[in-house]
N, C-alpha and C. Protein backbone atom coordinates (compact mmCIF):
# COMPACT_ATOMS: atom_id res chain seq x y z
N MET A 1 0.85 -1.16 0.00
CA MET A 1 0.00 0.00 0.00
C MET A 1 0.90 1.23 0.00
N THR A 2 0.70 2.08 -0.91
CA THR A 2 1.52 3.28 -1.00
C THR A 2 1.07 4.29 0.05
N ALA A 3 2.00 5.10 0.52
CA ALA A 3 1.67 6.10 1.54
C ALA A 3 0.69 7.10 0.97
N GLN A 4 -0.36 7.37 1.73
CA GLN A 4 -1.37 8.32 1.31
C GLN A 4 -2.20 8.75 2.50
N THR A 5 -3.07 9.70 2.31
CA THR A 5 -3.92 10.15 3.39
C THR A 5 -5.03 9.15 3.63
N GLN A 6 -5.60 9.19 4.82
CA GLN A 6 -6.70 8.31 5.18
C GLN A 6 -7.91 8.60 4.29
N PRO A 7 -8.51 7.57 3.68
CA PRO A 7 -9.70 7.79 2.86
C PRO A 7 -10.83 8.41 3.70
N ARG A 8 -11.70 9.16 3.06
CA ARG A 8 -12.79 9.85 3.75
C ARG A 8 -14.10 9.07 3.70
N GLU A 9 -14.07 7.86 3.21
CA GLU A 9 -15.27 7.05 3.10
C GLU A 9 -14.93 5.63 3.52
N LEU A 10 -15.97 4.85 3.82
CA LEU A 10 -15.76 3.44 4.13
C LEU A 10 -15.38 2.73 2.84
N LEU A 11 -14.33 1.94 2.89
CA LEU A 11 -13.77 1.33 1.69
C LEU A 11 -14.46 0.02 1.32
N SER A 12 -14.55 -0.20 0.03
CA SER A 12 -15.00 -1.48 -0.52
C SER A 12 -13.75 -2.35 -0.71
N LEU A 13 -13.98 -3.61 -1.04
CA LEU A 13 -12.86 -4.51 -1.31
C LEU A 13 -12.07 -4.03 -2.54
N ALA A 14 -12.76 -3.53 -3.56
CA ALA A 14 -12.07 -3.02 -4.75
C ALA A 14 -11.21 -1.80 -4.41
N GLN A 15 -11.70 -0.92 -3.55
CA GLN A 15 -10.91 0.25 -3.14
C GLN A 15 -9.70 -0.18 -2.32
N TRP A 16 -9.87 -1.18 -1.48
CA TRP A 16 -8.77 -1.75 -0.70
C TRP A 16 -7.68 -2.26 -1.65
N ASP A 17 -8.09 -3.01 -2.67
CA ASP A 17 -7.14 -3.54 -3.65
C ASP A 17 -6.39 -2.41 -4.36
N ALA A 18 -7.08 -1.32 -4.65
CA ALA A 18 -6.47 -0.20 -5.38
C ALA A 18 -5.42 0.54 -4.57
N LEU A 19 -5.41 0.35 -3.25
CA LEU A 19 -4.42 1.03 -2.41
C LEU A 19 -3.00 0.54 -2.66
N GLY A 20 -2.85 -0.72 -3.11
CA GLY A 20 -1.52 -1.25 -3.37
C GLY A 20 -0.85 -1.76 -2.11
N GLU A 21 0.46 -1.94 -2.17
CA GLU A 21 1.22 -2.51 -1.05
C GLU A 21 2.11 -1.45 -0.41
N ASP A 22 2.40 -1.68 0.88
CA ASP A 22 3.30 -0.82 1.64
C ASP A 22 4.13 -1.72 2.54
N ASP A 23 5.42 -1.82 2.26
CA ASP A 23 6.29 -2.71 3.04
C ASP A 23 6.66 -2.15 4.41
N SER A 24 6.33 -0.90 4.68
CA SER A 24 6.76 -0.29 5.94
C SER A 24 5.73 -0.43 7.05
N ALA A 25 4.51 -0.89 6.74
CA ALA A 25 3.46 -0.98 7.75
C ALA A 25 2.58 -2.18 7.46
N ARG A 26 1.77 -2.54 8.44
CA ARG A 26 0.80 -3.62 8.31
C ARG A 26 -0.57 -2.96 8.27
N SER A 27 -1.32 -3.21 7.22
CA SER A 27 -2.62 -2.58 7.05
C SER A 27 -3.72 -3.61 7.00
N GLU A 28 -4.84 -3.30 7.65
CA GLU A 28 -6.03 -4.12 7.62
C GLU A 28 -7.22 -3.21 7.32
N LEU A 29 -8.33 -3.82 6.99
CA LEU A 29 -9.55 -3.08 6.71
C LEU A 29 -10.61 -3.58 7.68
N GLN A 30 -11.05 -2.71 8.58
CA GLN A 30 -12.03 -3.07 9.60
C GLN A 30 -13.33 -2.33 9.33
N GLU A 31 -14.31 -3.07 8.82
CA GLU A 31 -15.61 -2.49 8.47
C GLU A 31 -15.44 -1.24 7.62
N GLY A 32 -14.57 -1.33 6.61
CA GLY A 32 -14.35 -0.23 5.68
C GLY A 32 -13.36 0.82 6.13
N VAL A 33 -12.84 0.71 7.34
CA VAL A 33 -11.89 1.69 7.87
C VAL A 33 -10.48 1.13 7.77
N LEU A 34 -9.59 1.89 7.17
CA LEU A 34 -8.20 1.50 7.03
C LEU A 34 -7.50 1.59 8.38
N ILE A 35 -6.92 0.47 8.83
CA ILE A 35 -6.20 0.40 10.10
C ILE A 35 -4.73 0.11 9.76
N VAL A 36 -3.84 1.00 10.19
CA VAL A 36 -2.41 0.84 9.91
C VAL A 36 -1.68 0.71 11.23
N SER A 37 -0.82 -0.29 11.32
CA SER A 37 -0.02 -0.49 12.53
C SER A 37 1.41 -0.82 12.12
N PRO A 38 2.36 -0.67 13.05
CA PRO A 38 3.76 -0.98 12.72
C PRO A 38 3.93 -2.47 12.43
N LYS A 39 4.96 -2.80 11.69
CA LYS A 39 5.30 -4.20 11.45
C LYS A 39 5.67 -4.85 12.78
N ALA A 40 5.50 -6.16 12.85
CA ALA A 40 5.79 -6.90 14.08
C ALA A 40 7.29 -6.91 14.38
N ARG A 41 7.59 -6.95 15.67
CA ARG A 41 8.99 -7.04 16.12
C ARG A 41 9.50 -8.46 15.97
N ILE A 42 10.79 -8.64 16.13
CA ILE A 42 11.43 -9.92 15.84
C ILE A 42 10.91 -11.05 16.73
N GLU A 43 10.63 -10.81 18.02
CA GLU A 43 10.11 -11.85 18.90
C GLU A 43 8.76 -12.36 18.36
N HIS A 44 7.94 -11.44 17.90
CA HIS A 44 6.64 -11.77 17.31
C HIS A 44 6.83 -12.59 16.03
N GLN A 45 7.74 -12.17 15.17
CA GLN A 45 8.02 -12.89 13.92
C GLN A 45 8.57 -14.29 14.20
N ASN A 46 9.41 -14.41 15.22
CA ASN A 46 9.95 -15.72 15.59
C ASN A 46 8.84 -16.66 16.06
N ALA A 47 7.89 -16.13 16.83
CA ALA A 47 6.76 -16.94 17.30
C ALA A 47 5.94 -17.43 16.11
N ILE A 48 5.71 -16.58 15.14
CA ILE A 48 4.96 -16.96 13.94
C ILE A 48 5.71 -18.07 13.20
N ALA A 49 7.00 -17.95 13.06
CA ALA A 49 7.80 -18.97 12.37
C ALA A 49 7.73 -20.30 13.12
N ARG A 50 7.83 -20.27 14.47
CA ARG A 50 7.74 -21.50 15.26
C ARG A 50 6.36 -22.14 15.11
N LEU A 51 5.30 -21.33 15.09
CA LEU A 51 3.95 -21.85 14.90
C LEU A 51 3.83 -22.56 13.55
N CYS A 52 4.25 -21.91 12.50
CA CYS A 52 4.17 -22.51 11.16
C CYS A 52 4.98 -23.80 11.09
N ALA A 53 6.17 -23.81 11.67
CA ALA A 53 7.02 -25.00 11.65
C ALA A 53 6.39 -26.15 12.44
N ALA A 54 5.68 -25.84 13.51
CA ALA A 54 5.04 -26.88 14.31
C ALA A 54 3.77 -27.42 13.64
N ILE A 55 3.07 -26.57 12.92
CA ILE A 55 1.80 -26.97 12.29
C ILE A 55 1.98 -27.70 10.97
N LEU A 56 2.87 -27.23 10.12
CA LEU A 56 3.00 -27.75 8.76
C LEU A 56 3.14 -29.27 8.67
N PRO A 57 4.01 -29.92 9.45
CA PRO A 57 4.17 -31.37 9.30
C PRO A 57 2.91 -32.17 9.67
N GLN A 58 1.97 -31.56 10.37
CA GLN A 58 0.76 -32.26 10.79
C GLN A 58 -0.35 -32.25 9.74
N LEU A 59 -0.21 -31.42 8.72
CA LEU A 59 -1.31 -31.20 7.79
C LEU A 59 -1.34 -32.22 6.66
N PRO A 60 -2.55 -32.67 6.28
CA PRO A 60 -2.67 -33.48 5.08
C PRO A 60 -2.27 -32.64 3.86
N SER A 61 -2.00 -33.29 2.75
CA SER A 61 -1.47 -32.58 1.59
C SER A 61 -2.43 -31.53 1.02
N ASP A 62 -3.72 -31.64 1.29
CA ASP A 62 -4.67 -30.66 0.75
C ASP A 62 -4.94 -29.50 1.72
N TRP A 63 -4.16 -29.40 2.80
CA TRP A 63 -4.26 -28.29 3.75
C TRP A 63 -2.92 -27.56 3.79
N HIS A 64 -2.95 -26.27 4.13
CA HIS A 64 -1.77 -25.43 4.10
C HIS A 64 -1.73 -24.53 5.34
N VAL A 65 -0.53 -24.04 5.65
CA VAL A 65 -0.38 -23.04 6.70
C VAL A 65 0.24 -21.81 6.05
N ALA A 66 -0.28 -20.64 6.41
CA ALA A 66 0.22 -19.39 5.85
C ALA A 66 0.50 -18.40 6.98
N ALA A 67 1.59 -17.66 6.83
CA ALA A 67 1.94 -16.60 7.79
C ALA A 67 1.50 -15.26 7.22
N GLU A 68 0.71 -14.54 7.98
CA GLU A 68 0.26 -13.18 7.68
C GLU A 68 -0.38 -13.01 6.29
N PRO A 69 -1.35 -13.89 5.96
CA PRO A 69 -2.05 -13.72 4.68
C PRO A 69 -3.20 -12.73 4.82
N GLU A 70 -3.67 -12.21 3.70
CA GLU A 70 -4.90 -11.42 3.71
C GLU A 70 -6.06 -12.39 3.83
N LEU A 71 -6.97 -12.12 4.75
CA LEU A 71 -8.14 -12.95 4.97
C LEU A 71 -9.38 -12.06 4.89
N VAL A 72 -10.21 -12.30 3.89
CA VAL A 72 -11.42 -11.51 3.70
C VAL A 72 -12.52 -12.08 4.59
N LEU A 73 -13.04 -11.24 5.48
CA LEU A 73 -14.14 -11.64 6.36
C LEU A 73 -15.48 -11.11 5.87
N GLU A 74 -15.45 -9.97 5.20
CA GLU A 74 -16.68 -9.37 4.65
C GLU A 74 -16.36 -8.75 3.32
N THR A 75 -17.08 -9.17 2.27
CA THR A 75 -16.82 -8.65 0.93
C THR A 75 -17.71 -7.46 0.58
N LYS A 76 -18.88 -7.38 1.22
CA LYS A 76 -19.77 -6.25 0.94
C LYS A 76 -19.21 -4.99 1.58
N THR A 77 -19.53 -3.84 1.01
CA THR A 77 -19.08 -2.57 1.57
C THR A 77 -19.94 -2.25 2.78
N PRO A 78 -19.35 -1.93 3.92
CA PRO A 78 -17.92 -1.79 4.15
C PRO A 78 -17.25 -3.15 4.35
N ALA A 79 -16.15 -3.34 3.68
CA ALA A 79 -15.43 -4.61 3.69
C ALA A 79 -14.55 -4.75 4.93
N THR A 80 -14.24 -6.01 5.26
CA THR A 80 -13.30 -6.30 6.34
C THR A 80 -12.25 -7.28 5.83
N VAL A 81 -10.99 -6.88 5.94
CA VAL A 81 -9.86 -7.72 5.55
C VAL A 81 -8.88 -7.71 6.73
N ARG A 82 -8.62 -8.86 7.28
CA ARG A 82 -7.67 -8.99 8.39
C ARG A 82 -6.40 -9.67 7.89
N ILE A 83 -5.34 -9.47 8.66
CA ILE A 83 -4.06 -10.14 8.39
C ILE A 83 -3.69 -10.91 9.66
N PRO A 84 -4.26 -12.12 9.81
CA PRO A 84 -3.92 -12.92 10.99
C PRO A 84 -2.45 -13.32 10.95
N ASP A 85 -1.92 -13.66 12.11
CA ASP A 85 -0.51 -14.06 12.16
C ASP A 85 -0.29 -15.41 11.48
N VAL A 86 -1.18 -16.38 11.74
CA VAL A 86 -1.06 -17.71 11.14
C VAL A 86 -2.46 -18.20 10.79
N VAL A 87 -2.58 -18.84 9.62
CA VAL A 87 -3.86 -19.39 9.18
C VAL A 87 -3.63 -20.79 8.62
N VAL A 88 -4.49 -21.75 9.03
CA VAL A 88 -4.51 -23.07 8.43
C VAL A 88 -5.72 -23.08 7.50
N HIS A 89 -5.46 -23.36 6.21
CA HIS A 89 -6.53 -23.26 5.21
C HIS A 89 -6.48 -24.41 4.22
N SER A 90 -7.62 -24.65 3.57
CA SER A 90 -7.72 -25.75 2.61
C SER A 90 -7.32 -25.35 1.21
N ARG A 91 -7.52 -24.08 0.85
CA ARG A 91 -7.18 -23.62 -0.50
C ARG A 91 -7.30 -22.11 -0.51
N ALA A 92 -6.72 -21.52 -1.51
CA ALA A 92 -6.89 -20.08 -1.70
C ALA A 92 -7.80 -19.89 -2.90
N SER A 93 -8.82 -19.08 -2.73
CA SER A 93 -9.79 -18.85 -3.80
C SER A 93 -9.47 -17.57 -4.55
N GLY A 94 -8.23 -17.33 -4.83
CA GLY A 94 -7.81 -16.12 -5.51
C GLY A 94 -6.57 -15.56 -4.83
N PRO A 95 -6.40 -14.25 -4.89
CA PRO A 95 -5.19 -13.63 -4.35
C PRO A 95 -5.14 -13.60 -2.83
N ARG A 96 -6.25 -13.91 -2.20
CA ARG A 96 -6.31 -13.89 -0.73
C ARG A 96 -7.20 -15.02 -0.25
N LEU A 97 -7.19 -15.25 1.04
CA LEU A 97 -8.03 -16.28 1.64
C LEU A 97 -9.42 -15.73 1.97
N VAL A 98 -10.40 -16.63 1.98
CA VAL A 98 -11.74 -16.30 2.43
C VAL A 98 -12.06 -17.20 3.62
N ALA A 99 -12.92 -16.73 4.50
CA ALA A 99 -13.17 -17.39 5.78
C ALA A 99 -13.60 -18.85 5.63
N GLN A 100 -14.42 -19.17 4.64
CA GLN A 100 -14.92 -20.54 4.53
C GLN A 100 -13.82 -21.56 4.22
N ASP A 101 -12.64 -21.11 3.82
CA ASP A 101 -11.52 -22.02 3.53
C ASP A 101 -10.59 -22.20 4.73
N VAL A 102 -10.93 -21.59 5.87
CA VAL A 102 -10.04 -21.54 7.02
C VAL A 102 -10.53 -22.46 8.15
N ALA A 103 -9.60 -23.26 8.70
CA ALA A 103 -9.91 -24.13 9.83
C ALA A 103 -9.41 -23.56 11.15
N LEU A 104 -8.32 -22.78 11.10
CA LEU A 104 -7.69 -22.26 12.31
C LEU A 104 -7.04 -20.92 12.01
N VAL A 105 -7.29 -19.96 12.90
CA VAL A 105 -6.61 -18.66 12.86
C VAL A 105 -5.85 -18.53 14.18
N VAL A 106 -4.61 -18.07 14.11
CA VAL A 106 -3.80 -17.85 15.31
C VAL A 106 -3.34 -16.40 15.32
N GLU A 107 -3.53 -15.73 16.44
CA GLU A 107 -3.03 -14.37 16.63
C GLU A 107 -2.02 -14.37 17.76
N VAL A 108 -0.97 -13.57 17.59
CA VAL A 108 0.05 -13.35 18.61
C VAL A 108 -0.05 -11.86 18.95
N PRO A 109 -0.78 -11.51 20.02
CA PRO A 109 -0.99 -10.09 20.31
C PRO A 109 0.31 -9.34 20.57
N SER A 110 0.37 -8.13 20.04
CA SER A 110 1.46 -7.19 20.31
C SER A 110 0.90 -6.13 21.25
N PRO A 111 1.75 -5.33 21.90
CA PRO A 111 1.23 -4.32 22.81
C PRO A 111 0.17 -3.40 22.18
N GLY A 112 0.30 -3.05 20.93
CA GLY A 112 -0.65 -2.15 20.30
C GLY A 112 -1.87 -2.83 19.68
N THR A 113 -1.89 -4.19 19.67
CA THR A 113 -3.01 -4.89 19.04
C THR A 113 -3.78 -5.78 20.02
N ARG A 114 -3.42 -5.76 21.26
CA ARG A 114 -3.99 -6.68 22.25
C ARG A 114 -5.52 -6.64 22.29
N GLY A 115 -6.10 -5.45 22.43
CA GLY A 115 -7.55 -5.33 22.48
C GLY A 115 -8.21 -5.81 21.20
N THR A 116 -7.63 -5.47 20.07
CA THR A 116 -8.17 -5.91 18.77
C THR A 116 -8.13 -7.43 18.67
N ASP A 117 -7.00 -8.04 19.04
CA ASP A 117 -6.86 -9.49 18.92
C ASP A 117 -7.75 -10.24 19.90
N LEU A 118 -7.88 -9.74 21.12
CA LEU A 118 -8.64 -10.46 22.15
C LEU A 118 -10.14 -10.22 22.07
N VAL A 119 -10.57 -9.09 21.51
CA VAL A 119 -11.99 -8.76 21.51
C VAL A 119 -12.54 -8.66 20.08
N MET A 120 -12.07 -7.70 19.32
CA MET A 120 -12.64 -7.44 17.99
C MET A 120 -12.48 -8.62 17.05
N LYS A 121 -11.25 -9.14 16.92
CA LYS A 121 -11.03 -10.24 15.99
C LYS A 121 -11.73 -11.51 16.47
N ARG A 122 -11.81 -11.70 17.76
CA ARG A 122 -12.55 -12.86 18.29
C ARG A 122 -13.99 -12.81 17.79
N HIS A 123 -14.61 -11.66 17.87
CA HIS A 123 -15.99 -11.49 17.39
C HIS A 123 -16.07 -11.67 15.87
N GLU A 124 -15.15 -11.05 15.14
CA GLU A 124 -15.17 -11.13 13.67
C GLU A 124 -14.96 -12.56 13.18
N TYR A 125 -14.00 -13.27 13.75
CA TYR A 125 -13.72 -14.64 13.32
C TYR A 125 -14.90 -15.56 13.64
N ALA A 126 -15.54 -15.36 14.79
CA ALA A 126 -16.72 -16.15 15.13
C ALA A 126 -17.86 -15.86 14.15
N ALA A 127 -18.09 -14.59 13.85
CA ALA A 127 -19.15 -14.22 12.89
C ALA A 127 -18.88 -14.81 11.51
N ALA A 128 -17.61 -14.96 11.16
CA ALA A 128 -17.22 -15.53 9.86
C ALA A 128 -17.22 -17.07 9.89
N GLN A 129 -17.57 -17.66 11.04
CA GLN A 129 -17.68 -19.11 11.21
C GLN A 129 -16.35 -19.86 11.05
N ILE A 130 -15.26 -19.25 11.52
CA ILE A 130 -13.96 -19.93 11.51
C ILE A 130 -13.95 -20.86 12.73
N PRO A 131 -13.78 -22.17 12.52
CA PRO A 131 -13.98 -23.14 13.60
C PRO A 131 -13.04 -23.04 14.80
N ASN A 132 -11.81 -22.58 14.60
CA ASN A 132 -10.84 -22.55 15.70
C ASN A 132 -10.07 -21.24 15.70
N TYR A 133 -9.89 -20.69 16.90
CA TYR A 133 -9.15 -19.44 17.07
C TYR A 133 -8.22 -19.62 18.27
N TRP A 134 -6.93 -19.51 18.01
CA TRP A 134 -5.94 -19.62 19.08
C TRP A 134 -5.25 -18.28 19.26
N ILE A 135 -4.97 -17.96 20.52
CA ILE A 135 -4.26 -16.73 20.86
C ILE A 135 -3.00 -17.13 21.63
N VAL A 136 -1.85 -16.76 21.09
CA VAL A 136 -0.57 -17.07 21.71
C VAL A 136 -0.07 -15.80 22.39
N ASP A 137 0.01 -15.83 23.71
CA ASP A 137 0.43 -14.66 24.48
C ASP A 137 1.90 -14.80 24.87
N LEU A 138 2.74 -14.01 24.23
CA LEU A 138 4.18 -14.09 24.50
C LEU A 138 4.55 -13.53 25.87
N THR A 139 3.73 -12.62 26.41
CA THR A 139 4.06 -12.04 27.72
C THR A 139 3.83 -13.01 28.86
N THR A 140 2.87 -13.94 28.71
CA THR A 140 2.59 -14.91 29.77
C THR A 140 3.00 -16.33 29.40
N SER A 141 3.49 -16.52 28.16
CA SER A 141 3.87 -17.85 27.65
C SER A 141 2.70 -18.84 27.76
N ARG A 142 1.52 -18.37 27.32
CA ARG A 142 0.33 -19.23 27.37
C ARG A 142 -0.40 -19.17 26.03
N LEU A 143 -1.24 -20.19 25.82
CA LEU A 143 -2.02 -20.28 24.61
C LEU A 143 -3.49 -20.45 24.97
N GLU A 144 -4.36 -19.62 24.40
CA GLU A 144 -5.81 -19.78 24.59
C GLU A 144 -6.34 -20.46 23.34
N ALA A 145 -6.93 -21.64 23.53
CA ALA A 145 -7.49 -22.40 22.42
C ALA A 145 -9.00 -22.30 22.47
N LEU A 146 -9.58 -21.70 21.42
CA LEU A 146 -11.02 -21.49 21.36
C LEU A 146 -11.60 -22.27 20.20
N SER A 147 -12.77 -22.87 20.42
CA SER A 147 -13.50 -23.59 19.38
C SER A 147 -14.86 -22.96 19.21
N LEU A 148 -15.36 -22.92 18.00
CA LEU A 148 -16.65 -22.31 17.71
C LEU A 148 -17.77 -23.29 18.06
N VAL A 149 -18.66 -22.87 18.96
CA VAL A 149 -19.81 -23.67 19.36
C VAL A 149 -21.03 -22.75 19.34
N ALA A 150 -22.00 -23.08 18.51
CA ALA A 150 -23.24 -22.30 18.38
C ALA A 150 -22.95 -20.82 18.14
N GLY A 151 -21.97 -20.55 17.26
CA GLY A 151 -21.67 -19.18 16.87
C GLY A 151 -20.81 -18.38 17.84
N GLU A 152 -20.37 -19.00 18.93
CA GLU A 152 -19.52 -18.33 19.93
C GLU A 152 -18.29 -19.18 20.20
N TYR A 153 -17.18 -18.52 20.51
CA TYR A 153 -15.97 -19.26 20.87
C TYR A 153 -16.02 -19.65 22.34
N VAL A 154 -15.67 -20.91 22.59
CA VAL A 154 -15.54 -21.40 23.95
C VAL A 154 -14.15 -22.01 24.10
N GLY A 155 -13.63 -21.95 25.31
CA GLY A 155 -12.31 -22.48 25.59
C GLY A 155 -11.66 -21.61 26.64
N ASP A 156 -10.41 -21.89 26.91
CA ASP A 156 -9.72 -21.09 27.92
C ASP A 156 -8.21 -21.17 27.73
N TRP A 157 -7.53 -20.46 28.60
CA TRP A 157 -6.08 -20.47 28.59
C TRP A 157 -5.63 -21.79 29.17
N GLY A 158 -5.04 -22.62 28.33
CA GLY A 158 -4.60 -23.93 28.78
C GLY A 158 -3.14 -23.94 29.15
N ASP A 159 -2.78 -24.93 29.93
CA ASP A 159 -1.39 -25.10 30.32
C ASP A 159 -0.75 -26.29 29.61
N GLY A 160 -1.58 -27.05 28.90
CA GLY A 160 -1.05 -28.24 28.24
C GLY A 160 -1.29 -28.23 26.75
N THR A 161 -1.17 -29.39 26.16
CA THR A 161 -1.31 -29.56 24.72
C THR A 161 -2.74 -29.23 24.30
N VAL A 162 -2.89 -28.58 23.14
CA VAL A 162 -4.20 -28.23 22.61
C VAL A 162 -4.37 -28.87 21.23
N THR A 163 -5.62 -29.13 20.86
CA THR A 163 -5.95 -29.74 19.58
C THR A 163 -7.18 -29.07 19.00
N THR A 164 -7.18 -28.83 17.69
CA THR A 164 -8.35 -28.25 17.03
C THR A 164 -9.50 -29.26 17.03
N ASP A 165 -10.71 -28.74 16.88
CA ASP A 165 -11.90 -29.59 16.81
C ASP A 165 -12.23 -30.02 15.39
N GLY A 166 -11.47 -29.58 14.41
CA GLY A 166 -11.73 -29.94 13.03
C GLY A 166 -11.94 -28.69 12.21
N PRO A 167 -12.06 -28.72 10.96
CA PRO A 167 -12.17 -29.87 10.08
C PRO A 167 -10.84 -30.58 9.80
N VAL A 168 -9.74 -30.05 10.26
CA VAL A 168 -8.45 -30.71 10.18
C VAL A 168 -7.86 -30.71 11.59
N THR A 169 -7.13 -31.75 11.93
CA THR A 169 -6.58 -31.85 13.28
C THR A 169 -5.18 -31.24 13.34
N VAL A 170 -5.04 -30.30 14.27
CA VAL A 170 -3.74 -29.70 14.57
C VAL A 170 -3.56 -29.77 16.08
N THR A 171 -2.44 -30.31 16.51
CA THR A 171 -2.13 -30.42 17.93
C THR A 171 -0.86 -29.63 18.20
N LEU A 172 -0.87 -28.92 19.31
CA LEU A 172 0.28 -28.06 19.62
C LEU A 172 0.58 -28.10 21.11
N ASP A 173 1.85 -28.28 21.42
CA ASP A 173 2.33 -28.17 22.79
C ASP A 173 2.86 -26.76 22.95
N PRO A 174 2.20 -25.92 23.74
CA PRO A 174 2.63 -24.52 23.86
C PRO A 174 4.09 -24.35 24.29
N GLU A 175 4.63 -25.32 25.01
CA GLU A 175 6.04 -25.21 25.44
C GLU A 175 7.00 -25.14 24.25
N ALA A 176 6.59 -25.73 23.11
CA ALA A 176 7.43 -25.69 21.91
C ALA A 176 7.51 -24.28 21.32
N LEU A 177 6.53 -23.44 21.67
CA LEU A 177 6.49 -22.09 21.12
C LEU A 177 7.32 -21.08 21.89
N PHE A 178 7.50 -21.36 23.16
CA PHE A 178 8.13 -20.36 24.02
C PHE A 178 9.54 -20.75 24.37
N PRO A 179 10.52 -19.98 23.89
CA PRO A 179 11.90 -20.29 24.24
C PRO A 179 12.12 -20.12 25.74
N ALA A 180 13.08 -20.82 26.25
CA ALA A 180 13.39 -20.69 27.69
C ALA A 180 13.63 -19.24 28.03
N ARG A 181 13.01 -18.78 29.09
CA ARG A 181 13.14 -17.39 29.50
C ARG A 181 14.00 -17.29 30.72
């Protein structure tokens, strides 16, 4: 996305596409509003790499893991496009992922995104019917594993191994994610 002033209207998906790319920041579209935040720090990037490395060998050949892909949650104007930290998906239906192709979304909250990751994205991912949502908290070295039940996420901060409820099975030992402190 090229540097420019904040749009004065709620953006459509086509307008989002027209913005282009910007390597200096991370941009998302929340109900038509452009949200720009700094790129993740190295500890955050390392956690994403460890997550992908732990998940990939568990997946059947028709499933994939992606780091920081565009995920369209709402195509109608105002559109919503998120950039989750890690996504397990069955296929890409074009240049970006759509919610119905996703089995698991993982967020690693940063100091400036904590409220968005724990509240807003939790609501958005549930509304988009994504079956599993995990939150990896680097400050407490814990993982919250949530599963979608009757349109709401249920689960809690676990201390042991976690497993998705489907449609693909992913098991993770949180200790593998957190380097010795």
